[in-house]
Protein backbone atom coordinates (compact mmCIF):
# COMPACT_ATOMS: atom_id res chain seq x y z
CA MET A 1 31.70 -24.72 -6.26
CA THR A 2 31.82 -22.85 -3.13
CA LYS A 3 29.31 -22.99 -0.50
CA GLY A 4 28.30 -19.38 -1.21
CA TYR A 5 27.55 -20.30 -4.89
CA TRP A 6 25.00 -22.76 -3.82
CA THR A 7 23.50 -20.31 -1.58
CA ARG A 8 23.01 -17.89 -4.09
CA ILE A 9 21.60 -20.47 -6.35
CA ILE A 10 18.98 -21.44 -3.61
CA ILE A 11 18.10 -17.88 -3.05
CA VAL A 12 17.41 -17.26 -6.91
CA VAL A 13 15.30 -20.46 -7.08
CA PHE A 14 13.07 -19.30 -4.03
CA ILE A 15 12.64 -15.89 -5.68
CA VAL A 16 11.82 -17.21 -9.14
CA ALA A 17 9.51 -19.79 -7.52
CA SER A 18 7.80 -17.13 -5.63
CA LEU A 19 7.34 -14.66 -8.31
CA GLY A 20 6.37 -17.10 -10.86
CA PHE A 21 3.77 -18.68 -8.61
CA SER A 22 2.17 -15.17 -7.87
CA ALA A 23 2.18 -14.24 -11.53
CA SER A 24 0.31 -17.46 -12.45
CA THR A 25 -2.16 -16.77 -9.84
CA LEU A 26 -2.67 -12.89 -9.19
CA PHE A 27 -2.17 -11.41 -12.67
CA HIS A 28 -5.34 -12.86 -13.97
CA GLN A 29 -7.41 -12.24 -10.88
CA SER A 30 -10.46 -10.03 -10.75
CA LEU A 31 -10.27 -6.31 -11.07
CA ARG A 32 -10.19 -4.66 -7.77
CA LEU A 33 -11.70 -1.40 -6.65
CA ASP A 34 -8.61 0.69 -6.42
CA GLU A 35 -7.24 -0.86 -9.85
CA SER A 36 -10.51 0.10 -11.62
CA GLN A 37 -10.00 3.83 -10.56
CA SER A 38 -6.66 3.76 -11.66
CA LEU A 39 -7.51 2.51 -15.08
CA TRP A 40 -10.50 4.79 -15.17
CA VAL A 41 -8.57 7.94 -14.51
CA SER A 42 -5.49 7.06 -16.34
CA THR A 43 -7.47 6.79 -19.66
CA LYS A 44 -8.34 10.54 -19.31
CA SER A 45 -6.24 13.45 -20.71
CA VAL A 46 -3.29 14.63 -18.46
CA TRP A 47 -5.45 17.91 -17.06
CA ALA A 48 -8.37 15.54 -16.35
CA ILE A 49 -6.42 13.39 -14.21
CA ILE A 50 -5.06 16.17 -12.51
CA GLN A 51 -8.34 17.70 -11.68
CA TYR A 52 -9.79 14.25 -10.63
CA LEU A 53 -6.97 13.55 -8.18
CA SER A 54 -7.23 16.79 -7.03
CA LEU A 55 -10.71 15.79 -5.29
CA ASP A 56 -9.37 12.17 -4.30
CA VAL A 57 -7.04 11.03 -1.66
CA HIS A 58 -3.94 10.58 -4.07
CA VAL A 59 -1.15 12.43 -5.74
CA PRO A 60 -0.83 12.34 -9.46
CA LEU A 61 2.71 11.01 -10.52
CA TYR A 62 1.70 7.24 -10.59
CA GLU A 63 -1.50 8.11 -12.56
CA LEU A 64 0.35 10.05 -15.15
CA ILE A 65 3.07 7.59 -15.72
CA LEU A 66 0.19 4.97 -15.96
CA HIS A 67 -1.43 7.09 -18.47
CA PHE A 68 1.28 7.05 -20.95
CA TRP A 69 2.15 3.25 -20.21
CA LEU A 70 -1.24 2.21 -21.30
CA GLN A 71 -1.09 4.56 -24.47
CA ILE A 72 1.72 2.27 -25.52
CA PHE A 73 0.77 -1.32 -24.09
CA GLY A 74 -3.08 -1.10 -24.27
CA VAL A 75 -5.88 -0.32 -21.56
CA SER A 76 -6.08 -3.66 -20.02
CA ILE A 77 -5.54 -4.79 -16.45
CA ILE A 78 -2.64 -6.89 -17.34
CA ALA A 79 -0.85 -3.88 -18.78
CA ALA A 80 -1.62 -1.91 -15.77
CA ARG A 81 -0.37 -4.74 -13.24
CA SER A 82 2.79 -5.05 -15.61
CA LEU A 83 3.84 -1.50 -14.60
CA SER A 84 3.51 -2.39 -11.05
CA PHE A 85 5.42 -5.61 -11.37
CA LEU A 86 8.32 -3.77 -13.28
CA PHE A 87 8.59 -1.26 -10.49
CA PHE A 88 8.78 -4.22 -7.93
CA ILE A 89 11.42 -5.98 -9.97
CA ALA A 90 13.46 -2.67 -10.17
CA SER A 91 13.22 -2.52 -6.46
CA LEU A 92 15.12 -5.82 -5.76
CA PRO A 93 18.58 -4.64 -7.01
CA MET A 94 18.17 -1.24 -5.27
CA LEU A 95 17.28 -2.94 -2.29
CA TYR A 96 20.16 -5.40 -2.31
CA LEU A 97 22.65 -2.23 -2.78
CA VAL A 98 21.26 -0.44 -0.04
CA ALA A 99 21.36 -3.54 2.31
CA LYS A 100 24.83 -4.45 1.20
CA LYS A 101 26.21 -1.06 1.80
CA ALA A 102 24.70 -0.99 5.26
CA SER A 103 25.83 -4.42 6.32
CA ASN A 104 27.30 -7.29 4.22
CA THR A 105 26.33 -9.31 1.18
CA SER A 106 24.76 -12.19 3.26
CA ILE A 107 22.18 -9.96 4.89
CA ALA A 108 21.69 -8.08 1.57
CA LEU A 109 20.72 -11.37 0.01
CA LEU A 110 18.32 -12.52 2.86
CA THR A 111 16.70 -9.08 2.67
CA ILE A 112 15.65 -9.45 -0.73
CA THR A 113 14.78 -12.88 -0.52
CA LEU A 114 12.38 -12.13 2.40
CA TYR A 115 11.05 -9.28 0.24
CA SER A 116 10.41 -11.33 -2.46
CA LEU A 117 8.61 -13.97 -0.28
CA SER A 118 6.28 -11.60 1.54
CA PRO A 119 2.68 -12.27 0.43
CA PHE A 120 1.99 -8.59 1.42
CA ILE A 121 4.71 -7.40 -1.17
CA LEU A 122 3.69 -9.79 -3.84
CA TRP A 123 0.04 -8.90 -3.51
CA TYR A 124 0.61 -5.26 -4.36
CA SER A 125 3.35 -6.08 -6.96
CA PHE A 126 0.51 -7.35 -8.93
CA GLU A 127 -1.87 -4.51 -8.20
CA ALA A 128 -2.47 -1.49 -10.60
CA ARG A 129 -1.61 0.95 -7.94
CA MET A 130 1.21 3.22 -6.88
CA TYR A 131 2.71 1.06 -4.09
CA THR A 132 5.43 -0.76 -5.75
CA MET A 133 6.59 2.61 -7.11
CA PHE A 134 6.29 4.22 -3.77
CA THR A 135 8.51 1.58 -2.19
CA LEU A 136 10.91 1.72 -4.93
CA ILE A 137 11.37 5.58 -4.48
CA THR A 138 11.60 5.03 -0.63
CA ILE A 139 14.65 2.57 -1.34
CA VAL A 140 16.24 5.18 -3.53
CA SER A 141 15.68 7.72 -0.73
CA HIS A 142 17.64 5.46 1.71
CA TYR A 143 20.40 5.02 -0.59
CA TYR A 144 20.81 8.84 -1.12
CA PHE A 145 20.16 9.60 2.41
CA LEU A 146 22.89 7.42 3.66
CA LYS A 147 25.18 8.53 1.04
CA LEU A 148 24.76 12.08 2.22
CA ILE A 149 25.49 10.65 5.89
CA ARG A 150 28.71 8.77 4.75
CA THR A 151 30.17 11.88 2.93
CA ASN A 152 29.09 14.51 5.31
CA GLY A 153 26.72 15.92 2.69
CA GLN A 154 29.37 15.96 -0.08
CA LYS A 155 27.51 13.41 -2.41
CA GLY A 156 24.07 12.44 -2.87
CA GLN A 157 22.24 15.72 -2.96
CA VAL A 158 20.85 15.52 -6.48
CA GLY A 159 19.82 11.93 -5.94
CA TYR A 160 18.06 12.96 -2.34
CA PHE A 161 16.36 15.87 -4.02
CA PHE A 162 14.65 13.78 -6.95
CA ALA A 163 13.85 11.10 -4.45
CA THR A 164 12.16 13.34 -2.24
CA LEU A 165 10.15 15.19 -4.95
CA PHE A 166 8.92 12.00 -6.51
CA GLY A 167 8.02 10.55 -3.19
CA LEU A 168 5.85 13.44 -2.31
CA TYR A 169 4.23 13.23 -5.67
CA THR A 170 3.64 9.62 -5.36
CA HIS A 171 1.98 9.31 -1.74
CA TYR A 172 1.13 11.78 0.96
CA PHE A 173 2.75 9.20 3.43
CA PHE A 174 6.18 9.97 2.17
CA VAL A 175 5.81 12.89 4.33
CA LEU A 176 6.30 10.47 7.33
CA LEU A 177 9.65 9.21 6.07
CA ILE A 178 11.08 12.74 5.71
CA ILE A 179 9.98 13.39 9.39
CA SER A 180 11.65 10.24 10.50
CA GLN A 181 15.05 11.11 8.48
CA CYS A 182 14.87 14.58 9.95
CA ILE A 183 14.51 13.11 13.37
CA PHE A 184 17.26 10.61 12.76
CA LEU A 185 19.65 13.47 11.69
CA ALA A 186 19.08 15.56 14.58
CA VAL A 187 19.99 12.64 16.94
CA TYR A 188 22.72 11.42 14.89
CA HIS A 189 24.42 14.72 14.93
CA ARG A 190 23.41 15.21 18.57
CA GLN A 191 25.22 11.97 19.29
CA ARG A 192 28.30 12.92 17.15
CA TYR A 193 28.68 16.04 19.32
CA MET A 194 28.56 14.42 22.53
CA GLU A 195 31.47 12.01 21.14
CA GLN A 196 33.50 14.96 19.93
CA LYS A 197 33.07 16.74 23.24
CA LYS A 198 34.88 14.13 24.83
CA SER A 199 37.83 14.48 22.51
CA VAL A 200 40.19 17.25 21.17
CA LEU A 201 38.06 17.28 17.71
CA LEU A 202 35.39 19.45 19.09
CA ALA A 203 36.56 22.50 17.29
CA GLN A 204 36.10 20.56 14.01
CA TYR A 205 32.57 19.84 14.79
CA PRO A 206 30.90 23.10 13.49
CA TYR A 207 32.53 22.22 10.08
CA ILE A 208 31.07 18.75 10.07
CA LEU A 209 27.72 19.91 11.25
CA LYS A 210 27.68 22.54 8.62
CA LYS A 211 28.66 19.82 6.02
CA GLY A 212 26.42 17.09 7.61
CA ILE A 213 23.21 18.79 8.19
CA ILE A 214 23.14 21.97 5.82
CA ALA A 215 23.69 19.74 2.95
CA PHE A 216 20.24 18.30 3.42
CA ILE A 217 18.38 21.54 3.64
CA PRO A 218 18.68 22.68 -0.17
CA PRO A 219 17.39 19.27 -1.55
CA LEU A 220 14.68 18.84 1.04
CA LEU A 221 13.35 22.64 0.79
CA LEU A 222 13.62 22.57 -3.02
CA SER A 223 11.52 19.32 -3.27
CA ILE A 224 8.90 20.71 -0.78
CA LEU A 225 8.67 24.10 -2.67
CA LEU A 226 8.02 22.39 -5.97
CA PHE A 227 5.26 20.16 -4.18
CA LEU A 228 3.54 23.42 -2.70
CA PRO A 229 1.52 24.27 -5.95
CA TRP A 230 -0.12 20.70 -5.86
CA ALA A 231 -0.88 21.07 -1.99
CA ILE A 232 -2.21 24.49 -2.46
CA TYR A 233 -4.37 23.19 -5.41
CA PHE A 234 -5.42 20.19 -3.19
CA ILE A 235 -6.58 22.37 -0.51
CA LEU A 236 -8.49 24.77 -2.70
CA GLN A 237 -10.32 22.04 -4.02
CA GLY A 238 -11.60 20.84 -0.74
CA ALA A 239 -8.81 18.33 0.32
CA ALA A 240 -10.70 15.29 -0.82
CA GLY A 241 -13.48 16.12 1.85
CA ASN A 242 -15.91 13.42 0.47
CA THR A 243 -14.10 11.12 -1.25
CA GLN A 244 -11.95 9.79 1.61
CA PRO A 245 -12.34 6.21 2.43
CA GLU A 246 -14.10 5.21 5.64
CA ILE A 247 -11.22 4.04 8.25
CA PRO A 248 -12.14 2.91 11.48
CA PRO A 249 -10.29 4.36 14.61
CA SER A 250 -7.04 2.50 15.10
CA THR A 251 -6.28 0.13 18.18
CA VAL A 252 -3.14 -1.58 19.27
CA TYR A 253 -4.42 -4.67 17.49
CA ASP A 254 -4.08 -2.90 14.11
CA LEU A 255 -0.32 -2.39 14.86
CA PHE A 256 0.32 -6.27 15.34
CA GLN A 257 -1.93 -6.93 12.43
CA ALA A 258 0.26 -4.70 10.16
CA VAL A 259 3.07 -6.59 11.14
CA VAL A 260 1.37 -9.77 10.63
CA ASN A 261 0.42 -8.44 7.24
CA PHE A 262 4.01 -7.62 6.29
CA LEU A 263 5.23 -11.12 6.98
CA PHE A 264 2.48 -13.36 6.13
CA GLY A 265 0.04 -11.32 3.85
CA PHE A 266 -3.63 -11.42 3.84
CA SER A 267 -4.55 -14.90 5.06
CA PRO A 268 -8.21 -15.88 5.98
CA LEU A 269 -9.32 -14.03 8.88
CA THR A 270 -9.19 -16.79 11.46
CA ILE A 271 -5.56 -17.63 10.41
CA GLN A 272 -4.81 -13.74 10.87
CA SER A 273 -6.32 -13.67 14.32
CA MET A 274 -4.32 -16.62 15.49
CA LEU A 275 -1.19 -14.74 14.27
CA VAL A 276 -1.90 -11.56 15.95
CA ALA A 277 -2.60 -13.54 19.08
CA LEU A 278 1.11 -14.31 18.99
CA TRP A 279 2.07 -10.81 19.64
CA PRO A 280 4.11 -11.51 22.74
CA LEU A 281 6.70 -12.89 20.36
CA CYS A 282 7.28 -9.56 19.29
CA ILE A 283 9.32 -9.12 22.51
CA ILE A 284 12.09 -11.43 20.89
CA PRO A 285 12.88 -9.18 17.85
CA ILE A 286 12.85 -5.93 20.16
CA PHE A 287 15.38 -7.85 22.32
CA PHE A 288 17.87 -8.34 19.37
CA LEU A 289 17.38 -4.77 17.99
CA PHE A 290 18.51 -3.34 21.38
CA SER A 291 20.91 -6.04 22.66
CA LYS A 292 24.70 -5.00 22.93
CA ARG A 293 25.76 -7.78 20.46
CA SER A 294 28.31 -6.79 17.78
CA ALA A 295 26.36 -6.13 14.40
CA PRO A 296 27.58 -6.32 10.91
CA THR A 297 26.35 -2.65 10.46
CA LYS A 298 27.91 0.79 11.62
CA ILE A 299 25.78 1.94 14.45
CA HIS A 300 24.42 4.97 12.42
CA ASN A 301 23.13 2.52 9.78
CA MET A 302 21.38 0.32 12.44
CA LEU A 303 19.81 3.43 14.02
CA TYR A 304 18.63 4.92 10.67
CA PHE A 305 16.93 1.86 9.70
CA VAL A 306 15.18 1.35 13.18
CA SER A 307 14.02 5.10 12.94
CA VAL A 308 12.59 4.93 9.36
CA THR A 309 10.76 1.49 10.31
CA ILE A 310 9.32 2.54 13.77
CA LEU A 311 8.95 6.50 13.55
CA PRO A 312 6.40 6.52 10.53
CA VAL A 313 4.20 3.70 12.33
CA VAL A 314 4.25 5.53 15.81
CA ILE A 315 3.33 8.85 14.12
CA CYS A 316 0.80 7.31 11.66
CA PHE A 317 -0.79 5.62 14.83
CA LEU A 318 -0.81 8.69 17.04
CA VAL A 319 -2.52 10.79 14.26
CA SER A 320 -5.16 8.20 13.89
CA TYR A 321 -6.32 9.29 17.44
CA TYR A 322 -7.27 12.51 15.82
CA LYS A 323 -8.01 11.32 12.20
CA PRO A 324 -8.11 7.69 11.46
CA ILE A 325 -5.49 6.96 8.53
CA PHE A 326 -3.74 3.88 9.68
CA LEU A 327 -3.85 1.44 7.03
CA ALA A 328 -1.28 -1.47 6.46
CA ARG A 329 -0.82 -0.78 2.64
CA TYR A 330 -0.45 2.91 3.19
CA LEU A 331 2.81 1.98 5.28
CA ILE A 332 4.15 -0.24 2.60
CA PHE A 333 6.95 2.18 2.26
CA ILE A 334 8.31 0.97 5.64
CA THR A 335 8.85 -2.73 4.39
CA PRO A 336 12.18 -2.44 2.70
CA SER A 337 13.74 -1.21 6.13
CA PHE A 338 11.46 -3.50 7.88
CA PHE A 339 12.88 -6.53 6.02
CA PHE A 340 16.52 -5.34 6.42
CA LEU A 341 16.20 -5.32 10.18
CA LEU A 342 14.47 -8.90 10.19
CA SER A 343 17.41 -10.29 8.22
CA TRP A 344 19.88 -8.53 10.30
CA MET A 345 18.20 -10.24 13.34
CA LEU A 346 18.05 -13.76 11.79
CA PHE A 347 21.98 -13.53 11.59
CA GLN A 348 22.39 -12.75 15.30
CA THR A 349 22.65 -16.19 16.38
CA SER A 350 25.13 -19.04 15.51
CA LYS A 351 25.57 -20.05 11.90
CA GLN A 352 23.75 -23.51 12.17
CA LEU A 353 20.80 -22.09 14.08
CA SER A 354 20.51 -19.11 11.67
CA THR A 355 20.47 -21.28 8.81
CA LEU A 356 17.92 -23.57 10.37
CA VAL A 357 15.76 -20.48 11.40
CA ILE A 358 16.02 -18.82 8.20
CA SER A 359 15.10 -22.06 6.21
CA ILE A 360 11.94 -22.46 8.36
CA PHE A 361 11.04 -18.90 8.07
CA ALA A 362 11.30 -18.73 4.32
CA PHE A 363 9.33 -21.83 3.93
CA ILE A 364 6.54 -20.53 6.08
CA MET A 365 6.40 -17.27 4.20
CA PHE A 366 6.09 -18.94 0.90
CA SER A 367 3.25 -21.21 2.36
CA PHE A 368 1.22 -18.02 3.12
CA VAL A 369 1.93 -16.98 -0.38
CA VAL A 370 0.14 -19.93 -1.57
CA ILE A 371 -2.70 -19.74 0.89
CA GLN A 372 -3.26 -16.01 0.24
CA ASN A 373 -3.30 -16.28 -3.44
CA ILE A 374 -5.57 -19.27 -4.09
CA SER A 375 -7.79 -18.82 -0.94
CA ASN A 376 -11.27 -17.70 -1.64
CA SER A 377 -11.40 -16.59 2.05
CA THR A 378 -8.52 -14.02 1.42
CA PRO A 379 -9.98 -10.53 2.91
CA VAL A 380 -8.69 -8.35 0.31
CA LYS A 381 -10.05 -10.41 -2.72
CA GLU A 382 -12.62 -8.48 -4.51
CA ASN A 383 -14.50 -10.69 -7.13
CA TYR A 384 -16.10 -7.82 -9.10
CA GLU A 385 -15.90 -10.15 -12.20
CA GLY A 386 -18.02 -12.83 -10.52
CA VAL A 387 -20.79 -10.12 -9.67
CA VAL A 388 -20.82 -8.84 -13.11
CA ARG A 389 -20.67 -12.11 -14.65
CA TYR A 390 -23.78 -13.13 -12.87
CA LEU A 391 -25.50 -9.68 -13.59
CA ASN A 392 -24.75 -9.85 -17.46
CA THR A 393 -26.84 -13.38 -17.56
CA HIS A 394 -29.51 -12.48 -15.38
CA VAL A 395 -30.56 -8.83 -15.64
CA THR A 396 -33.23 -7.64 -18.12
CA PRO A 397 -34.25 -4.49 -19.42
CA SER A 398 -37.04 -4.19 -16.91
CA ASP A 399 -34.39 -4.42 -14.02
CA ILE A 400 -32.07 -1.80 -12.52
CA VAL A 401 -28.68 -2.42 -11.06
CA ALA A 402 -27.83 -0.16 -7.86
CA ILE A 403 -24.11 0.12 -6.70
CA SER A 404 -23.08 1.51 -3.18
CA THR A 405 -20.89 3.20 -2.53
CA PRO A 406 -20.88 5.15 -5.89
CA PHE A 407 -17.27 4.98 -6.29
CA THR A 408 -17.47 1.04 -6.60
CA ILE A 409 -19.22 1.53 -9.99
CA TYR A 410 -15.65 1.74 -11.75
CA PRO A 411 -14.96 -2.13 -11.41
CA ILE A 412 -18.54 -2.85 -12.33
CA GLU A 413 -18.48 -0.87 -15.40
CA TYR A 414 -15.33 -2.43 -16.52
CA TYR A 415 -16.83 -5.85 -16.95
CA TYR A 416 -20.53 -5.01 -17.40
CA THR A 417 -22.25 -5.72 -20.86
CA GLY A 418 -25.88 -6.34 -19.44
CA SER A 419 -29.16 -4.73 -20.64
CA ALA A 420 -30.15 -3.19 -17.23
CA THR A 421 -29.46 0.74 -16.28
CA ILE A 422 -26.83 1.10 -13.65
CA VAL A 423 -27.22 3.65 -11.05
CA THR A 424 -25.65 4.43 -7.58
CA ILE A 425 -26.64 4.76 -3.78
CA PRO A 426 -26.38 7.64 -3.22
CA LEU A 427 -27.03 9.10 -6.79
CA TRP A 428 -23.80 10.42 -8.25
CA ASP A 429 -22.65 10.99 -11.91
CA VAL A 430 -19.28 9.64 -12.13
CA TYR A 431 -18.82 11.60 -15.56
CA LYS A 432 -19.13 14.96 -13.87
CA SER A 433 -16.70 16.71 -11.69
CA GLY A 434 -17.57 16.91 -7.91
CA SER A 435 -17.67 14.95 -4.86
CA ILE A 436 -20.16 12.28 -4.13
CA PRO A 437 -23.37 13.43 -2.60
CA PRO A 438 -23.88 12.59 1.11
CA TYR A 439 -26.15 9.58 1.78
CA THR A 440 -29.69 9.74 3.72
CA THR A 441 -32.41 7.40 4.32
CA ALA A 442 -34.88 9.99 2.83
CA LYS A 443 -32.88 10.31 -0.46
CA LEU A 444 -32.73 6.33 -0.45
CA ALA A 445 -36.59 6.08 -0.25
CA THR A 446 -37.25 8.87 -2.86
CA GLN A 447 -34.83 6.77 -5.25
CA MET A 448 -36.50 3.50 -4.64
CA LYS A 449 -39.94 4.78 -5.29
CA SER A 450 -38.94 6.30 -8.52
CA TYR A 451 -37.52 3.11 -9.61
CA ALA A 452 -40.59 1.18 -8.26
CA SER A 453 -42.54 2.90 -10.99
CA VAL A 454 -40.55 2.01 -13.77
CA TYR A 455 -38.69 -1.43 -13.07
CA GLN A 456 -39.51 -4.81 -12.09
CA ASP A 457 -36.45 -5.77 -9.84
CA ILE A 458 -33.56 -4.11 -8.49
CA TYR A 459 -29.97 -5.61 -8.21
CA VAL A 460 -27.99 -4.11 -5.40
CA VAL A 461 -24.42 -4.54 -5.26
CA LEU A 462 -22.80 -3.72 -1.77
CA SER A 463 -19.08 -3.97 -1.36
CA TYR A 464 -17.28 -1.08 0.28
CA ASP A 465 -19.00 0.26 3.66
CA GLN A 466 -18.69 4.16 4.09
CA GLY A 467 -20.71 4.01 7.15
CA TYR A 468 -24.30 3.63 5.77
CA GLU A 469 -24.21 0.09 4.27
CA ALA A 470 -26.28 -1.31 7.23
CA SER A 471 -28.86 1.62 6.87
CA ILE A 472 -29.52 0.49 3.17
CA LYS A 473 -29.75 -3.11 4.03
CA LYS A 474 -32.17 -2.35 6.73
CA TYR A 475 -34.30 -0.12 4.61
CA LEU A 476 -34.54 -2.53 1.50
CA ASP A 477 -35.17 -5.73 3.79
CA THR A 478 -38.06 -3.84 5.53
CA HIS A 479 -39.71 -2.49 2.25
CA TYR A 480 -39.18 -4.92 -0.27
CA GLN A 481 -38.97 -8.45 -0.81
CA ARG A 482 -35.60 -9.82 -1.13
CA LYS A 483 -35.05 -12.53 -3.89
CA LEU A 484 -31.45 -13.20 -3.80
CA LEU A 485 -28.45 -12.72 -1.48
CA LYS A 486 -25.33 -14.03 -2.91
CA GLU A 487 -21.78 -13.34 -1.54
CA PHE A 488 -18.75 -13.41 -4.18
CA SER A 489 -15.93 -12.53 -1.87
CA PRO A 490 -15.47 -11.28 1.72
CA GLY A 491 -17.70 -8.07 2.06
CA LEU A 492 -18.73 -8.22 -1.68
CA GLU A 493 -22.41 -9.25 -1.99
CA LEU A 494 -25.40 -8.96 -4.55
CA ARG A 495 -28.92 -8.73 -3.51
CA GLU A 496 -32.11 -8.81 -5.50
CA TYR A 497 -35.40 -7.18 -4.49
CA LYS A 498 -38.75 -7.16 -6.14
CA LEU A 499 -39.89 -3.72 -6.59
CA ARG A 500 -43.48 -4.11 -7.94
CA TYR A 501 -45.91 -6.78 -8.78
CA GLU A 502 -47.98 -6.96 -12.07
């Protein structure tokens, strides 16, 4: 057997081990907030899904697909997570195909290996959200965009149209990919023009320009035109004015933390801080990216992957100075091109050194998969199941359960079988359309006085700070006797207060 054959066997073993371990540790973890919202929405009618998401920060394609998926396979978190995992599995051969056409078989194999070993990718591959669908559509977009480039616009228009349309209806951040592709296209044809200007072929360039650029206009404009009805409806509904998550202003630290997340996932905060502190090492890959070494890719392929990896991050970071939107999970769509560039860089040394570095790097990534999946200190873990299990065995009809912020009621209700009434802070009826009312301390005081006249104790679940969690804690701690403070996962705590005495 050839050496290449054994290399493929080792790669398959790595991928299967990574997926197998992740499936055994992530499939059965507690339902998380975002997943509970997906389950709650997707069990509604099609029109109800559209209405609800028009008030939220997400577009409806994934929820509609999940709606029909759950009708077939049952309404459970395992069924919902299986859909995400299926999208992830489908992305592997597609990513291999894109990477192979842009480079060679070795780089393509390493790309899907690192992609499958990324703790970040694996975490969202077992989450009932749109992220793996988002990355799959992005990879398809790369495939047809490069096909349009290679054929001067003669092939790939239909595929690019559907990829763009589905991408827009999967996540608003797909717009960043479109902008990056347009910028690349302008720079690419400018570069070709300058090259032709030095030769006798300049007269042919208008024809190339017509075929190369104008071919993108019909599929792009048509997909945008078909997205406009949703965009207009979304704006008329208030553009998610009061349901947007509280995102802190972005800093340079967030940039390096995003890279650390892509490579090493969500390790405990102390480990993450140490990894981010190693940011000067980023100079090494930048050196490789812009070195003059011969690359196993055509120059336009390399420039394309650099553009669609770096430009969305830069644009998102700059926009965040006006309105904070920078979250690593929203940028998951750049990970396919990110791991392609990383794979290319790892092959830019001697064969022996590349083999050693790749082996060590793959082992480190797999180690972080283990740490992320089994550690109780993983910052993105949300143990709502543990909270509700405690409530189910301790609350009585004379108690009341209050949840803040209001939209965190979804994962609580998924597990809750207790006898106490559940309310939210501030008060919000989840079964009626309309945004969450604003929080004020005066409204909280009124709520608490009304509960104190009826109930003995109040259990308060705090898990997602929308900017007023500290105010809630301060008010309750200064007005009522606290009987319990218990943390179930990072940022998720349960408090019990005595409301009145017999």
